[in-house]
């Protein structure tokens, strides 16, 4: 055997030991919220009376005028073809107009990219900003997708935890303790998923000015902007802190405001060079968002906010019922959320206590036990940060909510 053949055999042996799945992709965790929802739906389909508090999805149909816009578009042959990768010009203009209306932030078409849902906007924002090793400050509890998108883009998420004793709101002082020479981006989310926390105007301004003083970019997720309660206003960090200049990226979408989770239309708004780079990425990843969905989104963002105001009445009623029901359980503390449609319950006092013949020591174990024993699906705190918490969505029917909370009260009150 000559040296060339020997080297070739060694190369073949080395290749046989390479992992089948790339380490980068294999390291990404499944979306915990979607996993809980899928399990709940599978159990329900098998005939079990499962109540699902897992996924953040309004139980309302998409408004008729939006559906009709999609029907009309589907009949037009021009929408059967490829369209610009960055979005239909009319929709981009409508998004620019809507951003000025709701966020007070003035942009033009070159600063808007239409994406396949908000998740794509989140990923592409980080992909456009981060080089390997760059750090992102992530206030915790956080939506489960944020750290995975950061890691996929090569970045390092740095969690900054704020507990219920401070209303799940981080402070500039906490951010100060977490910043390093590698920090490039601050993630800012208000109203928050998973906690429903909403930063006040002064708090938003202080955090924005802190980020600007440190030369950081801010990626702000405003998808729950229209879902606030008790007179608490939504405040966009893009306008509350003008010192940020053009180092701010807004991600948003139609999913929550217009009950359009399945239509998959989101967007990112930012400086022209970043939007151009993200558009180039999208041109290779997915090309354009489905034209029919884009036309539905155009009808949504350029139309009235009547539908969301009607949904808010129901969400507010359910919010108060859920928080009251959870706080009636000994060992559960649930601050009143002022935004979105989630309650984030502190269940640390229940851990280590006997429940249904078992003694859960983590919120993940507790969530599994609750599903097994009383057929209620909740998402454990491990999906959003530290253990010891449960997220419950109240974007479901009043009757299901009452039944589900009642089961939780009966089961959790039996803790010994």
Protein backbone atom coordinates (compact mmCIF):
# COMPACT_ATOMS: atom_id res chain seq x y z
CA UNK A 1 0.00 0.00 0.00
CA UNK A 2 1.50 3.34 -1.01
CA UNK A 3 1.46 6.50 1.07
CA UNK A 4 -1.30 8.11 -1.01
CA UNK A 5 -3.63 5.14 -0.52
CA UNK A 6 -2.83 5.02 3.19
CA UNK A 7 -3.62 8.74 3.59
CA UNK A 8 -6.87 8.25 1.67
CA UNK A 9 -7.94 5.42 3.99
CA UNK A 10 -7.19 7.54 7.02
CA UNK A 11 -9.27 10.37 5.51
CA UNK A 12 -12.14 7.94 4.90
CA UNK A 13 -11.94 6.77 8.51
CA UNK A 14 -11.99 10.34 9.77
CA UNK A 15 -15.02 11.15 7.64
CA UNK A 16 -16.86 8.14 9.05
CA UNK A 17 -16.53 9.72 12.52
CA UNK A 18 -17.94 13.10 11.53
CA UNK A 19 -21.28 13.91 13.19
CA UNK A 20 -24.35 13.30 11.02
CA UNK A 21 -25.92 16.62 12.06
CA UNK A 22 -23.94 19.84 12.25
CA UNK A 23 -23.03 20.84 15.79
CA UNK A 24 -24.52 24.28 15.26
CA UNK A 25 -27.96 22.94 14.35
CA UNK A 26 -27.86 20.00 16.75
CA UNK A 27 -27.27 22.40 19.64
CA UNK A 28 -30.53 24.28 19.03
CA UNK A 29 -33.33 23.37 21.41
CA UNK A 30 -36.83 22.69 20.14
CA UNK A 31 -39.32 25.51 20.70
CA UNK A 32 -40.69 24.63 24.13
CA UNK A 33 -43.95 26.48 23.59
CA UNK A 34 -44.68 24.73 20.30
CA UNK A 35 -43.67 21.38 21.82
CA UNK A 36 -46.10 21.81 24.71
CA UNK A 37 -48.85 22.89 22.30
CA UNK A 38 -48.23 19.92 20.00
CA UNK A 39 -48.37 17.48 22.92
CA UNK A 40 -51.57 19.04 24.24
CA UNK A 41 -53.21 18.89 20.80
CA UNK A 42 -52.14 15.28 20.31
CA UNK A 43 -53.64 14.28 23.66
CA UNK A 44 -56.82 16.18 22.88
CA UNK A 45 -57.07 14.47 19.50
CA UNK A 46 -56.86 11.12 21.27
CA UNK A 47 -59.93 12.03 23.29
CA UNK A 48 -58.39 13.38 26.47
CA UNK A 49 -59.93 16.63 27.83
CA UNK A 50 -56.69 18.61 27.83
CA UNK A 51 -56.78 22.36 28.48
CA UNK A 52 -53.87 24.06 26.71
CA UNK A 53 -52.31 27.14 28.28
CA UNK A 54 -49.13 26.60 26.29
CA UNK A 55 -49.12 28.52 23.03
CA UNK A 56 -49.60 32.26 22.56
CA UNK A 57 -52.28 32.21 19.90
CA UNK A 58 -55.49 34.27 19.94
CA UNK A 59 -58.59 32.07 19.79
CA UNK A 60 -60.29 34.55 17.48
CA UNK A 61 -60.61 34.12 13.70
CA UNK A 62 -58.75 36.51 11.43
CA UNK A 63 -61.10 39.44 10.68
CA UNK A 64 -63.25 38.95 7.57
CA UNK A 65 -61.93 41.97 5.65
CA UNK A 66 -58.40 40.59 5.92
CA UNK A 67 -59.47 37.14 4.74
CA UNK A 68 -61.35 38.74 1.83
CA UNK A 69 -58.20 40.61 0.78
CA UNK A 70 -56.39 37.27 0.59
CA UNK A 71 -59.21 35.70 -1.45
CA UNK A 72 -59.13 38.60 -3.89
CA UNK A 73 -55.34 38.35 -4.21
CA UNK A 74 -55.46 34.61 -4.83
CA UNK A 75 -57.58 35.25 -7.93
CA UNK A 76 -55.03 37.64 -9.46
CA UNK A 77 -52.41 35.87 -11.62
CA UNK A 78 -49.76 38.47 -10.80
CA UNK A 79 -49.71 37.15 -7.25
CA UNK A 80 -49.06 33.63 -8.54
CA UNK A 81 -45.50 34.65 -9.42
CA UNK A 82 -42.30 35.60 -7.62
CA UNK A 83 -42.27 39.07 -6.15
CA UNK A 84 -39.40 41.13 -4.67
CA UNK A 85 -37.57 39.22 -1.95
CA UNK A 86 -37.86 42.14 0.46
CA UNK A 87 -41.63 42.48 0.19
CA UNK A 88 -44.34 44.03 -1.95
CA UNK A 89 -43.75 47.80 -2.21
CA UNK A 90 -47.32 48.63 -1.16
CA UNK A 91 -46.97 46.53 1.98
CA UNK A 92 -43.59 48.03 2.82
CA UNK A 93 -45.09 51.51 2.54
CA UNK A 94 -48.01 50.49 4.75
CA UNK A 95 -45.57 49.13 7.34
CA UNK A 96 -43.59 52.38 7.23
CA UNK A 97 -46.82 54.35 7.74
CA UNK A 98 -47.90 52.04 10.57
CA UNK A 99 -44.48 52.34 12.27
CA UNK A 100 -44.83 56.12 12.29
CA UNK A 101 -48.39 55.87 13.59
CA UNK A 102 -47.74 53.37 16.39
CA UNK A 103 -44.06 53.79 17.28
CA UNK A 104 -43.56 57.42 16.32
CA UNK A 105 -40.59 56.32 14.22
CA UNK A 106 -40.21 57.67 10.67
CA UNK A 107 -38.71 55.32 8.04
CA UNK A 108 -38.83 54.86 4.28
CA UNK A 109 -39.26 51.74 2.13
CA UNK A 110 -35.53 50.99 2.04
CA UNK A 111 -35.65 50.53 5.82
CA UNK A 112 -38.35 47.83 5.76
CA UNK A 113 -38.03 44.08 5.10
CA UNK A 114 -41.09 41.81 5.03
CA UNK A 115 -40.32 38.40 6.53
CA UNK A 116 -41.91 34.98 6.95
CA UNK A 117 -43.29 35.69 10.39
CA UNK A 118 -41.70 37.49 13.30
CA UNK A 119 -39.26 34.65 13.97
CA UNK A 120 -37.49 35.19 10.66
CA UNK A 121 -37.21 38.89 11.44
CA UNK A 122 -35.65 38.07 14.82
CA UNK A 123 -33.12 35.67 13.33
CA UNK A 124 -32.17 37.93 10.42
CA UNK A 125 -31.70 40.91 12.72
CA UNK A 126 -29.16 38.98 14.77
CA UNK A 127 -27.60 37.34 11.70
CA UNK A 128 -27.02 40.77 10.23
CA UNK A 129 -25.45 42.21 13.38
CA UNK A 130 -23.44 39.46 15.04
CA UNK A 131 -20.03 37.98 14.39
CA UNK A 132 -18.88 34.86 16.28
CA UNK A 133 -18.46 35.62 19.96
CA UNK A 134 -20.43 38.88 19.98
CA UNK A 135 -22.60 39.09 23.08
CA UNK A 136 -26.27 40.04 23.34
CA UNK A 137 -27.80 41.14 26.64
CA UNK A 138 -31.07 39.22 26.98
CA UNK A 139 -33.43 40.31 29.77
CA UNK A 140 -34.82 37.19 31.41
CA UNK A 141 -37.43 35.70 31.47
CA UNK A 142 -37.26 35.72 27.65
CA UNK A 143 -39.17 34.24 24.74
CA UNK A 144 -37.67 30.84 24.03
CA UNK A 145 -36.61 31.68 20.45
CA UNK A 146 -34.37 34.66 21.25
CA UNK A 147 -31.30 32.86 22.63
CA UNK A 148 -31.51 30.15 19.97
CA UNK A 149 -31.61 32.75 17.18
CA UNK A 150 -28.62 34.50 18.75
CA UNK A 151 -26.62 31.27 18.95
CA UNK A 152 -27.55 30.31 15.40
CA UNK A 153 -26.20 33.68 14.26
CA UNK A 154 -22.92 32.98 16.07
CA UNK A 155 -23.60 35.21 19.05
CA UNK A 156 -23.60 34.58 22.78
CA UNK A 157 -26.78 35.33 24.78
CA UNK A 158 -26.09 36.82 28.22
CA UNK A 159 -29.10 36.49 30.49
CA UNK A 160 -30.04 39.32 32.86
CA UNK A 161 -32.73 38.05 35.22
CA UNK A 162 -35.45 40.15 36.80
CA UNK A 163 -37.81 38.32 39.15
CA UNK A 164 -41.39 38.95 40.25
CA UNK A 165 -40.24 41.15 43.14
CA UNK A 166 -39.27 43.78 40.52
CA UNK A 167 -42.16 43.11 38.18
CA UNK A 168 -39.91 41.15 35.78
CA UNK A 169 -38.35 44.45 34.64
CA UNK A 170 -34.57 44.73 34.33
CA UNK A 171 -32.77 47.93 35.33
CA UNK A 172 -29.82 49.79 33.81
CA UNK A 173 -27.88 48.85 36.93
CA UNK A 174 -28.39 45.16 36.21
CA UNK A 175 -27.36 45.69 32.59
CA UNK A 176 -24.25 47.52 33.81
CA UNK A 177 -23.24 44.43 35.76
CA UNK A 178 -23.60 42.22 32.67
CA UNK A 179 -21.94 44.28 29.93
CA UNK A 180 -18.47 43.30 28.68
CA UNK A 181 -16.09 44.33 25.93
CA UNK A 182 -17.81 41.73 23.68
CA UNK A 183 -21.33 43.12 24.14
CA UNK A 184 -22.75 44.46 20.89
CA UNK A 185 -26.55 44.28 21.21
CA UNK A 186 -29.26 44.77 23.81
CA UNK A 187 -32.49 42.89 23.24
CA UNK A 188 -35.48 44.88 24.48
CA UNK A 189 -39.05 43.54 24.63
CA UNK A 190 -42.06 45.45 25.94
CA UNK A 191 -44.76 44.20 26.32
CA UNK A 192 -43.00 40.99 27.22
CA UNK A 193 -43.49 37.39 26.27
CA UNK A 194 -43.47 35.42 28.61
CA UNK A 195 -44.21 37.72 31.56
CA UNK A 196 -46.62 40.31 30.19
CA UNK A 197 -44.48 43.01 31.83
CA UNK A 198 -44.57 46.49 30.28
CA UNK A 199 -41.85 49.10 30.83
CA UNK A 200 -43.08 52.62 31.60
CA UNK A 201 -42.02 55.54 29.39
CA UNK A 202 -39.31 56.70 31.81
CA UNK A 203 -37.95 53.16 32.19
CA UNK A 204 -37.82 52.74 28.41
CA UNK A 205 -36.00 56.07 28.04
CA UNK A 206 -33.45 55.22 30.74
CA UNK A 207 -32.63 51.84 29.21
CA UNK A 208 -32.40 53.31 25.71
CA UNK A 209 -30.10 56.09 26.88
CA UNK A 210 -27.99 53.55 28.76
CA UNK A 211 -27.60 51.49 25.56
CA UNK A 212 -26.75 54.58 23.52
CA UNK A 213 -24.14 55.69 26.07
CA UNK A 214 -22.42 52.31 25.69
CA UNK A 215 -22.57 52.33 21.88
CA UNK A 216 -24.85 49.29 21.73
CA UNK A 217 -27.35 48.28 19.11
CA UNK A 218 -30.90 47.66 20.33
CA UNK A 219 -33.14 45.00 18.78
CA UNK A 220 -36.67 45.69 20.01
CA UNK A 221 -39.60 43.31 19.54
CA UNK A 222 -42.84 45.29 19.37
CA UNK A 223 -45.24 42.54 18.35
CA UNK A 224 -47.47 43.02 21.43
CA UNK A 225 -47.57 46.82 21.10
CA UNK A 226 -51.39 46.99 20.92
CA UNK A 227 -52.03 44.63 23.82
CA UNK A 228 -51.67 46.68 27.00
CA UNK A 229 -54.10 47.06 29.90
CA UNK A 230 -54.95 49.24 32.90
CA UNK A 231 -54.10 52.39 30.97
CA UNK A 232 -50.44 51.39 30.72
CA UNK A 233 -49.03 52.85 27.47
CA UNK A 234 -46.80 51.17 24.93
CA UNK A 235 -43.54 53.07 24.46
CA UNK A 236 -41.15 52.40 21.60
CA UNK A 237 -37.50 52.59 22.60
CA UNK A 238 -36.72 53.78 19.06
CA UNK A 239 -38.38 57.14 19.80
CA UNK A 240 -38.03 57.26 23.60
CA UNK A 241 -34.23 57.34 23.24
CA UNK A 242 -33.29 59.43 20.17
CA UNK A 243 -29.62 59.11 21.17
CA UNK A 244 -29.67 55.57 19.76
CA UNK A 245 -29.64 57.11 16.29
CA UNK A 246 -29.82 54.45 13.62
CA UNK A 247 -28.54 51.65 15.88
CA UNK A 248 -32.03 50.33 16.55
CA UNK A 249 -33.94 47.51 14.84
CA UNK A 250 -37.69 47.01 15.26
CA UNK A 251 -39.15 43.55 14.69
CA UNK A 252 -42.89 43.10 14.48
CA UNK A 253 -45.68 41.27 12.67
CA UNK A 254 -49.42 40.79 12.21
CA UNK A 255 -49.73 37.55 14.19
CA UNK A 256 -50.90 38.81 17.58
CA UNK A 257 -52.68 42.08 16.79
CA UNK A 258 -54.85 40.66 14.03
CA UNK A 259 -55.13 36.97 15.05
CA UNK A 260 -52.96 35.98 12.07
CA UNK A 261 -50.49 33.51 13.57
CA UNK A 262 -50.82 31.09 10.67
CA UNK A 263 -50.43 33.67 7.88
CA UNK A 264 -46.69 34.07 8.61
CA UNK A 265 -46.02 37.72 7.95
CA UNK A 266 -43.55 39.73 10.00
CA UNK A 267 -41.07 42.51 9.31
CA UNK A 268 -37.94 44.22 10.46
CA UNK A 269 -37.31 47.95 10.36
CA UNK A 270 -33.80 49.35 10.65
CA UNK A 271 -30.97 51.26 8.98
CA UNK A 272 -30.66 50.80 5.23
CA UNK A 273 -27.36 48.93 5.26
CA UNK A 274 -28.63 46.32 7.72
CA UNK A 275 -31.95 45.92 5.89
CA UNK A 276 -30.10 45.46 2.59
CA UNK A 277 -27.88 42.79 4.15
CA UNK A 278 -30.86 41.00 5.69
CA UNK A 279 -32.72 41.17 2.35
CA UNK A 280 -29.75 39.55 0.63
CA UNK A 281 -29.85 36.76 3.21
CA UNK A 282 -33.59 36.30 2.73
CA UNK A 283 -33.17 36.19 -1.04
CA UNK A 284 -31.18 32.98 -0.58
CA UNK A 285 -33.13 31.54 2.36
CA UNK A 286 -36.80 31.92 1.41
CA UNK A 287 -37.21 34.61 -1.28
CA UNK A 288 -40.48 36.50 -0.97
CA UNK A 289 -43.18 35.91 1.62
CA UNK A 290 -46.28 34.32 0.03
CA UNK A 291 -48.00 37.07 -1.92
CA UNK A 292 -51.49 36.16 -0.73
CA UNK A 293 -50.34 36.49 2.87
CA UNK A 294 -48.68 39.80 2.08
CA UNK A 295 -51.91 41.18 0.66
CA UNK A 296 -53.78 40.02 3.76
CA UNK A 297 -51.16 41.80 5.88
CA UNK A 298 -51.57 44.94 3.76
CA UNK A 299 -55.27 44.97 4.57
CA UNK A 300 -54.46 44.46 8.24
CA UNK A 301 -51.82 47.13 8.82
CA UNK A 302 -53.54 49.75 6.67
CA UNK A 303 -56.96 49.07 8.19
CA UNK A 304 -58.58 49.95 11.51
CA UNK A 305 -57.60 48.60 14.93
CA UNK A 306 -61.20 47.69 15.75
CA UNK A 307 -60.51 43.96 15.84
CA UNK A 308 -57.69 44.20 18.37
CA UNK A 309 -59.76 46.51 20.58
CA UNK A 310 -62.51 43.90 20.63
CA UNK A 311 -60.03 41.13 21.43
CA UNK A 312 -58.52 43.22 24.23
CA UNK A 313 -61.86 43.32 26.04
CA UNK A 314 -61.86 39.51 26.17
CA UNK A 315 -58.14 39.28 26.98
CA UNK A 316 -58.53 41.74 29.84
CA UNK A 317 -61.41 39.75 31.31
CA UNK A 318 -59.42 36.52 31.04
CA UNK A 319 -56.29 38.18 32.42
CA UNK A 320 -58.07 39.20 35.60
CA UNK A 321 -59.72 35.79 35.97
CA UNK A 322 -56.45 33.93 35.52
CA UNK A 323 -54.36 36.10 37.83
CA UNK A 324 -57.02 35.98 40.52
CA UNK A 325 -57.35 32.22 40.20
CA UNK A 326 -53.61 31.60 40.35
CA UNK A 327 -53.02 33.90 43.30
CA UNK A 328 -55.75 32.04 45.20
CA UNK A 329 -53.44 29.00 45.29
CA UNK A 330 -51.20 28.80 48.33
CA UNK A 331 -47.59 28.77 47.14
CA UNK A 332 -48.25 30.58 43.85
CA UNK A 333 -47.36 34.24 43.26
CA UNK A 334 -48.45 35.83 39.99
CA UNK A 335 -47.85 39.55 39.40
CA UNK A 336 -50.56 41.19 37.33
CA UNK A 337 -49.33 41.45 33.73
CA UNK A 338 -50.00 44.74 31.97
CA UNK A 339 -49.45 43.52 28.42
CA UNK A 340 -49.53 40.64 25.92
CA UNK A 341 -51.67 37.63 26.93
CA UNK A 342 -49.55 35.66 29.38
CA UNK A 343 -49.40 35.18 33.12
CA UNK A 344 -46.02 34.23 34.57
CA UNK A 345 -46.52 32.47 37.88
CA UNK A 346 -43.82 32.04 40.51
CA UNK A 347 -44.20 28.45 41.79
CA UNK A 348 -40.88 28.13 43.63
CA UNK A 349 -42.72 27.64 46.91
CA UNK A 350 -44.39 24.50 45.51
CA UNK A 351 -41.15 22.78 44.55
CA UNK A 352 -40.04 20.09 46.94
CA UNK A 353 -43.60 19.58 48.20
CA UNK A 354 -45.52 16.37 47.57
CA UNK A 355 -48.11 16.56 44.82
CA UNK A 356 -50.10 13.66 43.42
CA UNK A 357 -47.71 11.10 44.83
CA UNK A 358 -44.63 12.86 43.43
CA UNK A 359 -42.28 15.56 44.67
CA UNK A 360 -41.29 17.88 41.80
CA UNK A 361 -38.05 19.78 42.33
CA UNK A 362 -38.11 21.83 39.10
CA UNK A 363 -40.83 23.67 37.24
CA UNK A 364 -40.26 21.30 34.30
CA UNK A 365 -41.13 18.35 36.53
CA UNK A 366 -44.11 20.25 37.91
CA UNK A 367 -45.42 21.05 34.41
CA UNK A 368 -45.12 17.38 33.42
CA UNK A 369 -46.95 16.32 36.57
CA UNK A 370 -49.76 18.83 35.96
CA UNK A 371 -50.27 17.52 32.43
CA UNK A 372 -50.26 13.91 33.58
CA UNK A 373 -52.48 14.34 36.62
CA UNK A 374 -55.04 17.00 35.65
CA UNK A 375 -54.55 17.31 31.88
CA UNK A 376 -53.57 20.98 31.84
CA UNK A 377 -50.69 22.06 29.58
CA UNK A 378 -48.41 24.84 30.84
CA UNK A 379 -44.89 25.86 29.86
CA UNK A 380 -42.16 25.56 32.51
CA UNK A 381 -39.80 28.38 33.40
CA UNK A 382 -36.79 26.48 32.06
CA UNK A 383 -37.99 27.44 28.55
CA UNK A 384 -37.62 31.13 29.40
CA UNK A 385 -34.81 31.30 31.95
CA UNK A 386 -34.50 30.02 35.52
CA UNK A 387 -36.58 27.16 36.89
CA UNK A 388 -39.38 27.84 39.33
CA UNK A 389 -41.99 29.49 37.12
CA UNK A 390 -44.88 28.56 34.83
CA UNK A 391 -46.15 30.50 31.83
CA UNK A 392 -49.85 30.32 31.05
CA UNK A 393 -51.42 31.94 28.01
CA UNK A 394 -54.90 33.36 28.52
CA UNK A 395 -55.52 33.65 24.77
CA UNK A 396 -58.10 30.85 24.92
CA UNK A 397 -61.84 30.65 25.54
CA UNK A 398 -63.35 31.77 28.84
CA UNK A 399 -64.85 28.36 29.58
CA UNK A 400 -61.60 26.49 28.96
CA UNK A 401 -59.72 29.02 31.07
CA UNK A 402 -62.12 28.58 34.00
CA UNK A 403 -61.95 24.79 33.80
CA UNK A 404 -58.15 24.79 33.52
CA UNK A 405 -57.58 27.18 36.41
CA UNK A 406 -60.05 25.20 38.50
CA UNK A 407 -58.08 22.00 37.89
CA UNK A 408 -54.86 23.77 38.86
CA UNK A 409 -56.42 25.11 42.05
CA UNK A 410 -57.66 21.70 43.10
CA UNK A 411 -54.41 19.90 42.29
CA UNK A 412 -51.87 22.44 43.52
CA UNK A 413 -53.80 23.15 46.70
CA UNK A 414 -53.26 19.52 47.66
CA UNK A 415 -49.51 20.08 48.03
CA UNK A 416 -48.24 18.68 51.30
